[in-house]
């Protein structure tokens, strides 16, 4: 097993776990915020997909984001730019009431793109940097850092969605 197998398993597992956490939630449950300063599950789902698309498809893969090339921004009637990072609580609260299946359709398209990028990577690619990108290191992240960060960030957000579900429906519901 090499890093491609591990990355593929992680990207696939958090996507499947997210789908389980979302399963059967109503539109109002998807938009429920535990507090006025909290994200809601619909926003989080879109945000996870957008961030993965930006980092994996655009930066690591060197291709147009699926959001643009697949015309998902048009299909979901959202701006071509932005991924939710830095949005105000007012913007999150007023996030459009999107059809979750369409958002998950976008997520699935991003997942396929991510897996194509991951399988194309070589060991040497792991050290390639992306200077000037928002990151802790001024040299920018390297591919290894992007993959590990995405897995952690997405897992945290998936946990938030599962927590929201638990608050709404209790354990195992």
N, C-alpha and C. Protein backbone atom coordinates (compact mmCIF):
# COMPACT_ATOMS: atom_id res chain seq x y z
N UNK A 1 0.85 -1.17 0.00
CA UNK A 1 0.00 0.00 0.00
C UNK A 1 0.89 1.24 0.00
N UNK A 2 0.51 2.25 -0.81
CA UNK A 2 1.28 3.48 -0.80
C UNK A 2 0.36 4.67 -0.50
N UNK A 3 0.91 5.87 -0.58
CA UNK A 3 0.16 7.07 -0.19
C UNK A 3 -1.11 7.24 -1.02
N UNK A 4 -1.11 6.81 -2.29
CA UNK A 4 -2.30 6.94 -3.13
C UNK A 4 -3.44 6.10 -2.58
N UNK A 5 -3.13 4.90 -2.09
CA UNK A 5 -4.16 4.04 -1.51
C UNK A 5 -4.73 4.65 -0.24
N UNK A 6 -3.86 5.18 0.59
CA UNK A 6 -4.28 5.79 1.86
C UNK A 6 -5.14 7.03 1.57
N UNK A 7 -4.68 7.89 0.67
CA UNK A 7 -5.44 9.10 0.35
C UNK A 7 -6.79 8.76 -0.26
N UNK A 8 -6.81 7.81 -1.18
CA UNK A 8 -8.08 7.40 -1.80
C UNK A 8 -9.05 6.86 -0.75
N UNK A 9 -8.55 6.04 0.15
CA UNK A 9 -9.40 5.49 1.21
C UNK A 9 -9.94 6.60 2.10
N UNK A 10 -9.11 7.57 2.45
CA UNK A 10 -9.54 8.67 3.33
C UNK A 10 -10.57 9.56 2.64
N UNK A 11 -10.31 9.97 1.41
CA UNK A 11 -11.28 10.81 0.69
C UNK A 11 -12.61 10.07 0.52
N UNK A 12 -12.55 8.79 0.24
CA UNK A 12 -13.77 8.00 0.07
C UNK A 12 -14.51 7.82 1.38
N UNK A 13 -13.77 7.55 2.45
CA UNK A 13 -14.43 7.32 3.74
C UNK A 13 -15.13 8.57 4.25
N UNK A 14 -14.50 9.75 4.19
CA UNK A 14 -15.20 10.91 4.72
C UNK A 14 -16.39 11.28 3.85
N UNK A 15 -16.33 11.04 2.55
CA UNK A 15 -17.48 11.28 1.67
C UNK A 15 -18.64 10.36 2.05
N UNK A 16 -18.36 9.09 2.27
CA UNK A 16 -19.41 8.13 2.65
C UNK A 16 -19.98 8.45 4.03
N UNK A 17 -19.11 8.84 4.96
CA UNK A 17 -19.56 9.20 6.30
C UNK A 17 -20.45 10.44 6.26
N UNK A 18 -20.10 11.39 5.41
CA UNK A 18 -20.94 12.57 5.24
C UNK A 18 -22.31 12.18 4.70
N UNK A 19 -22.36 11.34 3.70
CA UNK A 19 -23.64 10.90 3.14
C UNK A 19 -24.51 10.24 4.21
N UNK A 20 -23.90 9.44 5.07
CA UNK A 20 -24.64 8.80 6.15
C UNK A 20 -25.20 9.85 7.11
N UNK A 21 -24.39 10.85 7.45
CA UNK A 21 -24.84 11.89 8.37
C UNK A 21 -25.97 12.73 7.78
N UNK A 22 -26.00 12.88 6.47
CA UNK A 22 -27.02 13.68 5.80
C UNK A 22 -28.30 12.90 5.49
N UNK A 23 -28.20 11.59 5.47
CA UNK A 23 -29.29 10.74 5.00
C UNK A 23 -30.61 11.04 5.70
N UNK A 24 -31.59 11.43 4.91
CA UNK A 24 -32.94 11.64 5.41
C UNK A 24 -33.20 12.96 6.09
N UNK A 25 -32.17 13.81 6.22
CA UNK A 25 -32.41 15.11 6.85
C UNK A 25 -33.31 15.96 5.96
N UNK A 26 -34.24 16.65 6.59
CA UNK A 26 -35.15 17.53 5.86
C UNK A 26 -34.44 18.83 5.50
N UNK A 27 -35.05 19.61 4.64
CA UNK A 27 -34.48 20.90 4.25
C UNK A 27 -34.28 21.80 5.47
N UNK A 28 -35.24 21.82 6.38
CA UNK A 28 -35.08 22.67 7.57
C UNK A 28 -33.99 22.11 8.49
N UNK A 29 -33.85 20.80 8.57
CA UNK A 29 -32.77 20.22 9.38
C UNK A 29 -31.40 20.52 8.77
N UNK A 30 -31.32 20.50 7.45
CA UNK A 30 -30.05 20.81 6.77
C UNK A 30 -29.61 22.24 7.01
N UNK A 31 -30.55 23.12 7.28
CA UNK A 31 -30.25 24.54 7.48
C UNK A 31 -30.23 24.93 8.96
N UNK A 32 -30.47 23.98 9.86
CA UNK A 32 -30.53 24.28 11.28
C UNK A 32 -29.13 24.60 11.81
N UNK A 33 -29.04 25.66 12.59
CA UNK A 33 -27.79 26.07 13.21
C UNK A 33 -27.94 25.95 14.72
N UNK A 34 -27.02 25.24 15.37
CA UNK A 34 -27.11 25.09 16.83
C UNK A 34 -27.08 26.42 17.56
N UNK A 35 -26.45 27.42 16.96
CA UNK A 35 -26.43 28.78 17.51
C UNK A 35 -26.30 29.73 16.32
N UNK A 36 -26.56 31.01 16.54
CA UNK A 36 -26.41 31.96 15.43
C UNK A 36 -24.98 32.07 14.91
N UNK A 37 -24.02 31.58 15.66
CA UNK A 37 -22.61 31.63 15.25
C UNK A 37 -22.09 30.27 14.78
N UNK A 38 -22.99 29.42 14.30
CA UNK A 38 -22.63 28.07 13.87
C UNK A 38 -22.95 27.88 12.39
N UNK A 39 -22.23 26.97 11.77
CA UNK A 39 -22.53 26.57 10.41
C UNK A 39 -23.72 25.62 10.41
N UNK A 40 -24.35 25.47 9.25
CA UNK A 40 -25.39 24.46 9.10
C UNK A 40 -24.90 23.39 8.12
N UNK A 41 -25.54 22.25 8.14
CA UNK A 41 -25.08 21.08 7.38
C UNK A 41 -25.04 21.32 5.88
N UNK A 42 -26.00 22.06 5.36
CA UNK A 42 -26.02 22.33 3.93
C UNK A 42 -24.79 23.14 3.52
N UNK A 43 -24.52 24.20 4.27
CA UNK A 43 -23.34 25.02 3.98
C UNK A 43 -22.07 24.19 4.10
N UNK A 44 -21.96 23.42 5.16
CA UNK A 44 -20.75 22.62 5.38
C UNK A 44 -20.51 21.64 4.24
N UNK A 45 -21.57 21.02 3.75
CA UNK A 45 -21.43 20.05 2.66
C UNK A 45 -20.89 20.74 1.41
N UNK A 46 -21.48 21.88 1.06
CA UNK A 46 -21.01 22.65 -0.10
C UNK A 46 -19.56 23.09 0.12
N UNK A 47 -19.26 23.59 1.30
CA UNK A 47 -17.92 24.09 1.61
C UNK A 47 -16.86 22.99 1.50
N UNK A 48 -17.13 21.81 2.03
CA UNK A 48 -16.17 20.70 1.94
C UNK A 48 -15.85 20.41 0.48
N UNK A 49 -16.89 20.32 -0.34
CA UNK A 49 -16.69 20.02 -1.76
C UNK A 49 -15.92 21.14 -2.46
N UNK A 50 -16.25 22.39 -2.16
CA UNK A 50 -15.57 23.52 -2.80
C UNK A 50 -14.09 23.55 -2.45
N UNK A 51 -13.78 23.34 -1.19
CA UNK A 51 -12.38 23.39 -0.77
C UNK A 51 -11.59 22.24 -1.39
N UNK A 52 -12.17 21.05 -1.38
CA UNK A 52 -11.49 19.91 -2.01
C UNK A 52 -11.27 20.17 -3.49
N UNK A 53 -12.27 20.72 -4.16
CA UNK A 53 -12.17 21.03 -5.59
C UNK A 53 -11.05 22.04 -5.85
N UNK A 54 -11.01 23.10 -5.04
CA UNK A 54 -9.98 24.13 -5.22
C UNK A 54 -8.59 23.53 -5.06
N UNK A 55 -8.37 22.83 -3.95
CA UNK A 55 -7.03 22.32 -3.68
C UNK A 55 -6.65 21.16 -4.58
N UNK A 56 -7.51 20.18 -4.74
CA UNK A 56 -7.11 18.98 -5.48
C UNK A 56 -7.21 19.16 -6.99
N UNK A 57 -8.32 19.69 -7.47
CA UNK A 57 -8.48 19.81 -8.93
C UNK A 57 -7.63 20.96 -9.47
N UNK A 58 -7.76 22.13 -8.83
CA UNK A 58 -7.09 23.32 -9.37
C UNK A 58 -5.60 23.36 -9.06
N UNK A 59 -5.24 23.28 -7.78
CA UNK A 59 -3.83 23.45 -7.44
C UNK A 59 -3.02 22.18 -7.69
N UNK A 60 -3.41 21.08 -7.10
CA UNK A 60 -2.62 19.86 -7.26
C UNK A 60 -2.75 19.30 -8.68
N UNK A 61 -3.99 19.25 -9.20
CA UNK A 61 -4.22 18.68 -10.53
C UNK A 61 -3.93 19.62 -11.68
N UNK A 62 -3.88 20.94 -11.40
CA UNK A 62 -3.59 21.91 -12.44
C UNK A 62 -4.68 22.06 -13.48
N UNK A 63 -5.92 21.76 -13.11
CA UNK A 63 -7.05 21.84 -14.04
C UNK A 63 -8.06 22.86 -13.53
N UNK A 64 -9.02 23.23 -14.39
CA UNK A 64 -10.11 24.07 -13.94
C UNK A 64 -10.93 23.33 -12.90
N UNK A 65 -11.36 24.05 -11.88
CA UNK A 65 -12.19 23.43 -10.85
C UNK A 65 -13.43 22.82 -11.50
N UNK A 66 -13.88 21.72 -10.96
CA UNK A 66 -15.11 21.07 -11.41
C UNK A 66 -16.28 22.05 -11.27
N UNK A 67 -16.22 22.91 -10.26
CA UNK A 67 -17.23 23.94 -10.03
C UNK A 67 -17.46 24.77 -11.29
N UNK A 68 -16.37 25.05 -12.01
CA UNK A 68 -16.44 25.86 -13.24
C UNK A 68 -16.62 24.95 -14.46
N UNK A 69 -15.72 23.99 -14.63
CA UNK A 69 -15.74 23.15 -15.84
C UNK A 69 -17.02 22.32 -15.95
N UNK A 70 -17.56 21.90 -14.82
CA UNK A 70 -18.80 21.13 -14.84
C UNK A 70 -20.04 21.99 -14.75
N UNK A 71 -19.82 23.31 -14.74
CA UNK A 71 -20.91 24.31 -14.69
C UNK A 71 -21.80 24.15 -13.45
N UNK A 72 -21.19 23.65 -12.36
CA UNK A 72 -21.94 23.48 -11.12
C UNK A 72 -22.31 24.83 -10.50
N UNK A 73 -21.46 25.83 -10.69
CA UNK A 73 -21.81 27.17 -10.16
C UNK A 73 -23.10 27.66 -10.82
N UNK A 74 -23.26 27.39 -12.10
CA UNK A 74 -24.48 27.78 -12.80
C UNK A 74 -25.65 26.92 -12.35
N UNK A 75 -25.44 25.63 -12.24
CA UNK A 75 -26.51 24.72 -11.85
C UNK A 75 -27.04 25.04 -10.45
N UNK A 76 -26.13 25.43 -9.55
CA UNK A 76 -26.54 25.74 -8.18
C UNK A 76 -26.77 27.24 -7.96
N UNK A 77 -26.58 28.02 -9.03
CA UNK A 77 -26.82 29.48 -9.00
C UNK A 77 -26.05 30.18 -7.89
N UNK A 78 -24.77 29.87 -7.84
CA UNK A 78 -23.87 30.50 -6.87
C UNK A 78 -22.69 31.11 -7.62
N UNK A 79 -22.01 32.07 -7.01
CA UNK A 79 -20.87 32.70 -7.69
C UNK A 79 -19.78 31.70 -8.07
N UNK A 80 -19.11 32.00 -9.16
CA UNK A 80 -18.03 31.13 -9.62
C UNK A 80 -16.85 31.14 -8.65
N UNK A 81 -16.65 32.26 -7.96
CA UNK A 81 -15.54 32.39 -7.03
C UNK A 81 -16.01 32.15 -5.60
N UNK A 82 -15.09 31.73 -4.76
CA UNK A 82 -15.37 31.55 -3.34
C UNK A 82 -15.69 30.11 -2.99
N UNK A 83 -15.35 29.78 -1.74
CA UNK A 83 -15.59 28.42 -1.26
C UNK A 83 -16.14 28.40 0.17
N UNK A 84 -16.52 29.57 0.65
CA UNK A 84 -17.07 29.66 2.00
C UNK A 84 -16.09 30.14 3.04
N UNK A 85 -14.80 30.02 2.74
CA UNK A 85 -13.79 30.49 3.70
C UNK A 85 -13.94 31.99 3.87
N UNK A 86 -14.03 32.43 5.12
CA UNK A 86 -14.12 33.85 5.41
C UNK A 86 -15.52 34.45 5.31
N UNK A 87 -16.52 33.62 5.03
CA UNK A 87 -17.88 34.15 4.97
C UNK A 87 -18.34 34.56 6.36
N UNK A 88 -19.14 35.59 6.42
CA UNK A 88 -19.69 36.06 7.69
C UNK A 88 -20.84 35.14 8.13
N UNK A 89 -21.19 35.23 9.38
CA UNK A 89 -22.32 34.43 9.88
C UNK A 89 -23.61 34.83 9.17
N UNK A 90 -23.74 36.09 8.81
CA UNK A 90 -24.93 36.54 8.08
C UNK A 90 -24.98 35.88 6.70
N UNK A 91 -23.83 35.77 6.04
CA UNK A 91 -23.78 35.12 4.73
C UNK A 91 -24.11 33.63 4.85
N UNK A 92 -23.61 33.00 5.90
CA UNK A 92 -23.90 31.57 6.08
C UNK A 92 -25.37 31.37 6.39
N UNK A 93 -25.93 32.22 7.25
CA UNK A 93 -27.36 32.11 7.60
C UNK A 93 -28.25 32.32 6.38
N UNK A 94 -27.80 33.18 5.45
CA UNK A 94 -28.61 33.46 4.27
C UNK A 94 -28.20 32.62 3.05
N UNK A 95 -27.36 31.62 3.28
CA UNK A 95 -26.94 30.72 2.19
C UNK A 95 -28.20 30.15 1.53
N UNK A 96 -28.24 30.07 0.21
CA UNK A 96 -29.46 29.61 -0.48
C UNK A 96 -29.89 28.20 -0.05
N UNK A 97 -31.17 27.97 -0.12
CA UNK A 97 -31.74 26.67 0.22
C UNK A 97 -31.59 25.74 -0.99
N UNK A 98 -30.40 25.18 -1.13
CA UNK A 98 -30.09 24.32 -2.27
C UNK A 98 -30.62 22.91 -2.06
N UNK A 99 -30.89 22.23 -3.16
CA UNK A 99 -31.27 20.83 -3.11
C UNK A 99 -30.03 20.01 -2.74
N UNK A 100 -30.12 19.29 -1.64
CA UNK A 100 -28.94 18.55 -1.15
C UNK A 100 -28.45 17.52 -2.17
N UNK A 101 -29.36 16.92 -2.93
CA UNK A 101 -28.93 15.93 -3.92
C UNK A 101 -28.10 16.57 -5.02
N UNK A 102 -28.41 17.81 -5.36
CA UNK A 102 -27.59 18.51 -6.36
C UNK A 102 -26.22 18.87 -5.79
N UNK A 103 -26.21 19.28 -4.53
CA UNK A 103 -24.93 19.57 -3.88
C UNK A 103 -24.09 18.30 -3.81
N UNK A 104 -24.73 17.18 -3.48
CA UNK A 104 -24.00 15.91 -3.43
C UNK A 104 -23.58 15.45 -4.82
N UNK A 105 -24.33 15.82 -5.84
CA UNK A 105 -23.91 15.55 -7.22
C UNK A 105 -22.61 16.26 -7.53
N UNK A 106 -22.53 17.51 -7.11
CA UNK A 106 -21.28 18.26 -7.26
C UNK A 106 -20.17 17.59 -6.46
N UNK A 107 -20.47 17.22 -5.22
CA UNK A 107 -19.49 16.55 -4.36
C UNK A 107 -18.97 15.28 -5.03
N UNK A 108 -19.86 14.51 -5.62
CA UNK A 108 -19.44 13.27 -6.31
C UNK A 108 -18.52 13.57 -7.49
N UNK A 109 -18.83 14.63 -8.24
CA UNK A 109 -17.97 15.01 -9.37
C UNK A 109 -16.59 15.44 -8.88
N UNK A 110 -16.55 16.17 -7.77
CA UNK A 110 -15.27 16.56 -7.17
C UNK A 110 -14.52 15.33 -6.71
N UNK A 111 -15.22 14.40 -6.09
CA UNK A 111 -14.58 13.17 -5.60
C UNK A 111 -13.91 12.42 -6.76
N UNK A 112 -14.60 12.31 -7.87
CA UNK A 112 -14.01 11.62 -9.03
C UNK A 112 -12.77 12.36 -9.52
N UNK A 113 -12.84 13.68 -9.55
CA UNK A 113 -11.67 14.46 -9.96
C UNK A 113 -10.52 14.25 -8.99
N UNK A 114 -10.82 14.29 -7.70
CA UNK A 114 -9.79 14.09 -6.68
C UNK A 114 -9.11 12.73 -6.85
N UNK A 115 -9.90 11.68 -7.06
CA UNK A 115 -9.30 10.35 -7.21
C UNK A 115 -8.43 10.27 -8.45
N UNK A 116 -8.82 10.94 -9.53
CA UNK A 116 -7.98 10.98 -10.73
C UNK A 116 -6.67 11.68 -10.45
N UNK A 117 -6.74 12.79 -9.72
CA UNK A 117 -5.52 13.52 -9.38
C UNK A 117 -4.63 12.66 -8.49
N UNK A 118 -5.21 12.06 -7.46
CA UNK A 118 -4.42 11.25 -6.52
C UNK A 118 -3.73 10.11 -7.24
N UNK A 119 -4.44 9.41 -8.11
CA UNK A 119 -3.82 8.26 -8.79
C UNK A 119 -2.74 8.68 -9.77
N UNK A 120 -2.77 9.94 -10.21
CA UNK A 120 -1.75 10.41 -11.15
C UNK A 120 -0.47 10.88 -10.45
N UNK A 121 -0.51 11.05 -9.14
CA UNK A 121 0.64 11.58 -8.41
C UNK A 121 1.78 10.57 -8.29
N UNK A 122 2.98 11.10 -8.25
CA UNK A 122 4.16 10.28 -8.00
C UNK A 122 4.73 10.65 -6.63
N UNK A 123 5.63 9.86 -6.14
CA UNK A 123 6.29 10.18 -4.87
C UNK A 123 6.97 11.56 -4.95
N UNK A 124 7.55 11.87 -6.09
CA UNK A 124 8.23 13.15 -6.25
C UNK A 124 7.26 14.33 -6.20
N UNK A 125 6.03 14.12 -6.61
CA UNK A 125 5.03 15.20 -6.60
C UNK A 125 4.69 15.67 -5.19
N UNK A 126 4.88 14.82 -4.20
CA UNK A 126 4.46 15.15 -2.83
C UNK A 126 5.16 16.40 -2.28
N UNK A 127 6.35 16.69 -2.76
CA UNK A 127 7.09 17.85 -2.27
C UNK A 127 6.86 19.13 -3.07
N UNK A 128 6.07 19.08 -4.13
CA UNK A 128 5.81 20.27 -4.95
C UNK A 128 5.04 21.30 -4.14
N UNK A 129 5.53 22.55 -4.14
CA UNK A 129 4.91 23.64 -3.37
C UNK A 129 4.00 24.51 -4.22
N UNK A 130 3.11 25.21 -3.53
CA UNK A 130 2.20 26.17 -4.15
C UNK A 130 2.40 27.53 -3.49
N UNK A 131 3.48 28.26 -3.86
CA UNK A 131 3.79 29.54 -3.21
C UNK A 131 2.67 30.55 -3.37
N UNK A 132 2.56 31.41 -2.37
CA UNK A 132 1.59 32.49 -2.44
C UNK A 132 0.18 32.10 -2.07
N UNK A 133 -0.05 30.88 -1.73
CA UNK A 133 -1.38 30.43 -1.34
C UNK A 133 -1.54 30.62 0.16
N UNK A 134 -2.76 30.87 0.57
CA UNK A 134 -3.05 31.03 1.99
C UNK A 134 -2.62 29.76 2.73
N UNK A 135 -1.64 29.94 3.57
CA UNK A 135 -1.11 28.76 4.28
C UNK A 135 -0.23 29.25 5.41
N UNK A 136 0.05 28.38 6.33
CA UNK A 136 0.91 28.72 7.47
C UNK A 136 2.35 28.98 7.05
N UNK A 137 2.82 28.28 6.06
CA UNK A 137 4.20 28.40 5.57
C UNK A 137 4.24 29.39 4.42
N UNK A 138 5.10 30.41 4.47
CA UNK A 138 5.16 31.40 3.39
C UNK A 138 5.50 30.80 2.03
N UNK A 139 6.17 29.65 2.03
CA UNK A 139 6.47 28.99 0.76
C UNK A 139 5.24 28.32 0.17
N UNK A 140 4.17 28.30 0.93
CA UNK A 140 2.96 27.65 0.47
C UNK A 140 2.99 26.18 0.84
N UNK A 141 1.86 25.54 0.73
CA UNK A 141 1.81 24.12 1.07
C UNK A 141 2.44 23.27 -0.02
N UNK A 142 2.85 22.09 0.36
CA UNK A 142 3.25 21.12 -0.66
C UNK A 142 2.09 20.14 -0.82
N UNK A 143 2.19 19.28 -1.83
CA UNK A 143 1.11 18.35 -2.13
C UNK A 143 0.80 17.48 -0.92
N UNK A 144 1.83 17.00 -0.25
CA UNK A 144 1.63 16.19 0.95
C UNK A 144 0.81 16.97 1.99
N UNK A 145 1.16 18.24 2.20
CA UNK A 145 0.44 19.07 3.16
C UNK A 145 -1.00 19.33 2.75
N UNK A 146 -1.22 19.53 1.47
CA UNK A 146 -2.58 19.74 0.97
C UNK A 146 -3.44 18.51 1.25
N UNK A 147 -2.93 17.34 0.90
CA UNK A 147 -3.72 16.12 1.09
C UNK A 147 -4.00 15.89 2.58
N UNK A 148 -3.00 15.99 3.41
CA UNK A 148 -3.22 15.74 4.84
C UNK A 148 -4.15 16.79 5.44
N UNK A 149 -3.99 18.05 5.06
CA UNK A 149 -4.87 19.10 5.57
C UNK A 149 -6.32 18.88 5.14
N UNK A 150 -6.51 18.56 3.88
CA UNK A 150 -7.88 18.34 3.40
C UNK A 150 -8.56 17.20 4.14
N UNK A 151 -7.85 16.13 4.36
CA UNK A 151 -8.43 14.99 5.06
C UNK A 151 -8.84 15.39 6.48
N UNK A 152 -7.99 16.14 7.16
CA UNK A 152 -8.31 16.59 8.51
C UNK A 152 -9.46 17.59 8.49
N UNK A 153 -9.37 18.63 7.65
CA UNK A 153 -10.42 19.65 7.61
C UNK A 153 -11.77 19.05 7.26
N UNK A 154 -11.81 18.22 6.23
CA UNK A 154 -13.08 17.61 5.82
C UNK A 154 -13.62 16.71 6.93
N UNK A 155 -12.76 15.96 7.58
CA UNK A 155 -13.20 15.09 8.67
C UNK A 155 -13.79 15.91 9.82
N UNK A 156 -13.17 17.04 10.13
CA UNK A 156 -13.73 17.92 11.17
C UNK A 156 -15.12 18.40 10.77
N UNK A 157 -15.28 18.82 9.53
CA UNK A 157 -16.58 19.31 9.07
C UNK A 157 -17.61 18.19 9.01
N UNK A 158 -17.21 17.01 8.60
CA UNK A 158 -18.13 15.88 8.59
C UNK A 158 -18.58 15.59 10.02
N UNK A 159 -17.66 15.68 10.96
CA UNK A 159 -18.02 15.50 12.37
C UNK A 159 -19.01 16.55 12.84
N UNK A 160 -18.87 17.78 12.34
CA UNK A 160 -19.83 18.82 12.68
C UNK A 160 -21.22 18.48 12.14
N UNK A 161 -21.28 17.98 10.91
CA UNK A 161 -22.57 17.59 10.33
C UNK A 161 -23.17 16.45 11.15
N UNK A 162 -22.37 15.47 11.52
CA UNK A 162 -22.87 14.35 12.33
C UNK A 162 -23.34 14.84 13.70
N UNK A 163 -22.64 15.79 14.27
CA UNK A 163 -23.03 16.36 15.56
C UNK A 163 -24.37 17.07 15.44
N UNK A 164 -24.55 17.85 14.37
CA UNK A 164 -25.83 18.53 14.14
C UNK A 164 -26.94 17.50 14.01
N UNK A 165 -26.70 16.45 13.25
CA UNK A 165 -27.70 15.39 13.11
C UNK A 165 -28.05 14.80 14.48
N UNK A 166 -27.03 14.52 15.29
CA UNK A 166 -27.28 13.98 16.62
C UNK A 166 -28.07 14.92 17.51
N UNK A 167 -27.78 16.20 17.40
CA UNK A 167 -28.54 17.18 18.19
C UNK A 167 -30.00 17.21 17.77
N UNK A 168 -30.25 17.03 16.47
CA UNK A 168 -31.62 17.08 15.95
C UNK A 168 -32.38 15.77 16.18
N UNK A 169 -31.71 14.66 16.03
CA UNK A 169 -32.40 13.37 16.00
C UNK A 169 -31.99 12.39 17.08
N UNK A 170 -30.99 12.73 17.85
CA UNK A 170 -30.53 11.81 18.88
C UNK A 170 -29.60 10.76 18.31
N UNK A 171 -29.18 9.86 19.17
CA UNK A 171 -28.25 8.81 18.77
C UNK A 171 -28.90 7.82 17.80
N UNK A 172 -28.13 7.42 16.80
CA UNK A 172 -28.51 6.36 15.86
C UNK A 172 -29.81 6.62 15.13
N UNK A 173 -30.16 7.87 14.91
CA UNK A 173 -31.37 8.18 14.15
C UNK A 173 -31.07 9.10 13.00
